[in-house]
Amino acid sequence: MDIRNIAYKLYKAEWEEEHVPSGTKLDVIREWGNEEEECSFEDFLEEHGYHGALHACEAEFLQNEYKDKKHMLSLLKNKELCRQYLNDIKEDM
């Protein structure tokens, strides 16, 4: 698995826990279900967000949050994932 992809998914999950009230996620899924035009839920979120709010896109995440070593290590927690992350950021230097 790609450590950047794993880190981004964890970042999005953490962002949603911190910024999206529990009922809002369900409301947004219902709004998506009422859309006339067929699209994936991810595409719907990119366009509408959670009532206008949304986490950083992957490119922005990689340029900013991913470079915050202290936060990423606390988010990854797992020893192997942390090792992969540290190797990855070392390669980018």
C-alpha atoms as a PDB file:
ATOM      1  CA  MET A   1       0.000   0.000   0.000  1.00  0.00           C
ATOM      2  CA  ASP A   2       1.101   3.545  -0.704  1.00  0.00           C
ATOM      3  CA  ILE A   3       1.880   5.442   2.516  1.00  0.00           C
ATOM      4  CA  ARG A   4       0.722   8.733   1.005  1.00  0.00           C
ATOM      5  CA  ASN A   5      -2.676   7.243   0.196  1.00  0.00           C
ATOM      6  CA  ILE A   6      -2.996   5.757   3.689  1.00  0.00           C
ATOM      7  CA  ALA A   7      -1.964   9.043   5.309  1.00  0.00           C
ATOM      8  CA  TYR A   8      -4.461  10.984   3.197  1.00  0.00           C
ATOM      9  CA  LYS A   9      -7.329   8.643   4.103  1.00  0.00           C
ATOM     10  CA  LEU A  10      -6.440   8.963   7.797  1.00  0.00           C
ATOM     11  CA  TYR A  11      -6.213  12.754   7.451  1.00  0.00           C
ATOM     12  CA  LYS A  12      -9.676  12.904   5.813  1.00  0.00           C
ATOM     13  CA  ALA A  13     -11.200  10.669   8.502  1.00  0.00           C
ATOM     14  CA  GLU A  14      -9.642  12.791  11.251  1.00  0.00           C
ATOM     15  CA  TRP A  15     -10.792  16.007   9.558  1.00  0.00           C
ATOM     16  CA  GLU A  16     -14.345  14.702   9.299  1.00  0.00           C
ATOM     17  CA  GLU A  17     -14.356  13.652  12.981  1.00  0.00           C
ATOM     18  CA  GLU A  18     -13.192  17.121  14.003  1.00  0.00           C
ATOM     19  CA  HIS A  19     -15.236  19.283  11.601  1.00  0.00           C
ATOM     20  CA  VAL A  20     -18.410  17.434  10.608  1.00  0.00           C
ATOM     21  CA  PRO A  21     -21.198  17.105  13.194  1.00  0.00           C
ATOM     22  CA  SER A  22     -22.561  13.552  13.366  1.00  0.00           C
ATOM     23  CA  GLY A  23     -25.891  14.212  11.637  1.00  0.00           C
ATOM     24  CA  THR A  24     -24.337  16.333   8.885  1.00  0.00           C
ATOM     25  CA  LYS A  25     -22.649  13.384   7.197  1.00  0.00           C
ATOM     26  CA  LEU A  26     -25.971  11.561   6.956  1.00  0.00           C
ATOM     27  CA  ASP A  27     -27.661  14.713   5.619  1.00  0.00           C
ATOM     28  CA  VAL A  28     -25.008  15.081   2.911  1.00  0.00           C
ATOM     29  CA  ILE A  29     -25.404  11.437   1.873  1.00  0.00           C
ATOM     30  CA  ARG A  30     -29.153  12.060   1.543  1.00  0.00           C
ATOM     31  CA  GLU A  31     -28.514  15.195  -0.523  1.00  0.00           C
ATOM     32  CA  TRP A  32     -26.252  13.139  -2.788  1.00  0.00           C
ATOM     33  CA  GLY A  33     -29.045  10.553  -3.100  1.00  0.00           C
ATOM     34  CA  ASN A  34     -31.408  13.281  -4.319  1.00  0.00           C
ATOM     35  CA  GLU A  35     -29.062  14.495  -7.046  1.00  0.00           C
ATOM     36  CA  GLU A  36     -30.509  14.298 -10.536  1.00  0.00           C
ATOM     37  CA  GLU A  37     -27.117  13.741 -12.110  1.00  0.00           C
ATOM     38  CA  GLU A  38     -25.300  10.494 -11.302  1.00  0.00           C
ATOM     39  CA  CYS A  39     -21.900  10.930  -9.705  1.00  0.00           C
ATOM     40  CA  SER A  40     -19.804   9.217  -7.081  1.00  0.00           C
ATOM     41  CA  PHE A  41     -20.110  10.369  -3.487  1.00  0.00           C
ATOM     42  CA  GLU A  42     -16.473  11.556  -3.625  1.00  0.00           C
ATOM     43  CA  ASP A  43     -17.266  13.734  -6.651  1.00  0.00           C
ATOM     44  CA  PHE A  44     -20.356  15.103  -4.912  1.00  0.00           C
ATOM     45  CA  LEU A  45     -18.291  15.965  -1.833  1.00  0.00           C
ATOM     46  CA  GLU A  46     -15.637  17.700  -3.928  1.00  0.00           C
ATOM     47  CA  GLU A  47     -18.308  19.919  -5.466  1.00  0.00           C
ATOM     48  CA  HIS A  48     -20.526  20.561  -2.421  1.00  0.00           C
ATOM     49  CA  GLY A  49     -18.510  19.633   0.670  1.00  0.00           C
ATOM     50  CA  TYR A  50     -20.184  19.170   4.026  1.00  0.00           C
ATOM     51  CA  HIS A  51     -22.503  22.166   3.756  1.00  0.00           C
ATOM     52  CA  GLY A  52     -19.666  24.071   2.098  1.00  0.00           C
ATOM     53  CA  ALA A  53     -16.746  22.819   4.218  1.00  0.00           C
ATOM     54  CA  LEU A  54     -14.250  20.223   3.006  1.00  0.00           C
ATOM     55  CA  HIS A  55     -10.817  18.876   3.870  1.00  0.00           C
ATOM     56  CA  ALA A  56      -7.819  19.682   1.683  1.00  0.00           C
ATOM     57  CA  CYS A  57      -7.549  17.912  -1.667  1.00  0.00           C
ATOM     58  CA  GLU A  58      -4.806  15.294  -1.924  1.00  0.00           C
ATOM     59  CA  ALA A  59      -2.314  17.565  -3.701  1.00  0.00           C
ATOM     60  CA  GLU A  60      -2.770  20.302  -1.089  1.00  0.00           C
ATOM     61  CA  PHE A  61      -2.505  17.733   1.710  1.00  0.00           C
ATOM     62  CA  LEU A  62       0.794  16.436   0.328  1.00  0.00           C
ATOM     63  CA  GLN A  63       2.180  19.983   0.110  1.00  0.00           C
ATOM     64  CA  ASN A  64       1.117  20.953   3.638  1.00  0.00           C
ATOM     65  CA  GLU A  65      -0.264  18.549   6.236  1.00  0.00           C
ATOM     66  CA  TYR A  66       1.841  15.608   5.034  1.00  0.00           C
ATOM     67  CA  LYS A  67       4.999  17.592   5.773  1.00  0.00           C
ATOM     68  CA  ASP A  68       4.004  18.093   9.430  1.00  0.00           C
ATOM     69  CA  LYS A  69       6.059  15.189  10.782  1.00  0.00           C
ATOM     70  CA  LYS A  70       4.824  15.402  14.371  1.00  0.00           C
ATOM     71  CA  HIS A  71       1.165  15.370  13.346  1.00  0.00           C
ATOM     72  CA  MET A  72       1.616  12.630  10.753  1.00  0.00           C
ATOM     73  CA  LEU A  73       3.400  10.331  13.214  1.00  0.00           C
ATOM     74  CA  SER A  74       0.602  10.823  15.757  1.00  0.00           C
ATOM     75  CA  LEU A  75      -1.984  10.119  13.054  1.00  0.00           C
ATOM     76  CA  LEU A  76      -0.245   7.018  11.660  1.00  0.00           C
ATOM     77  CA  LYS A  77       0.596   5.578  15.128  1.00  0.00           C
ATOM     78  CA  ASN A  78       1.498   2.145  13.762  1.00  0.00           C
ATOM     79  CA  LYS A  79       5.262   1.479  13.885  1.00  0.00           C
ATOM     80  CA  GLU A  80       5.431   0.119  10.322  1.00  0.00           C
ATOM     81  CA  LEU A  81       3.361   2.965   8.870  1.00  0.00           C
ATOM     82  CA  CYS A  82       5.540   5.507  10.698  1.00  0.00           C
ATOM     83  CA  ARG A  83       8.661   3.838   9.271  1.00  0.00           C
ATOM     84  CA  GLN A  84       7.230   4.015   5.741  1.00  0.00           C
ATOM     85  CA  TYR A  85       6.314   7.664   6.234  1.00  0.00           C
ATOM     86  CA  LEU A  86       9.764   8.609   7.550  1.00  0.00           C
ATOM     87  CA  ASN A  87      11.407   6.824   4.609  1.00  0.00           C
ATOM     88  CA  ASP A  88       9.078   8.612   2.197  1.00  0.00           C
ATOM     89  CA  ILE A  89       9.733  12.100   3.499  1.00  0.00           C
ATOM     90  CA  LYS A  90      13.481  11.395   3.626  1.00  0.00           C
ATOM     91  CA  GLU A  91      13.375  10.530  -0.099  1.00  0.00           C
ATOM     92  CA  ASP A  92      11.670  13.858  -0.863  1.00  0.00           C
ATOM     93  CA  MET A  93      14.459  15.900   0.705  1.00  0.00           C
END
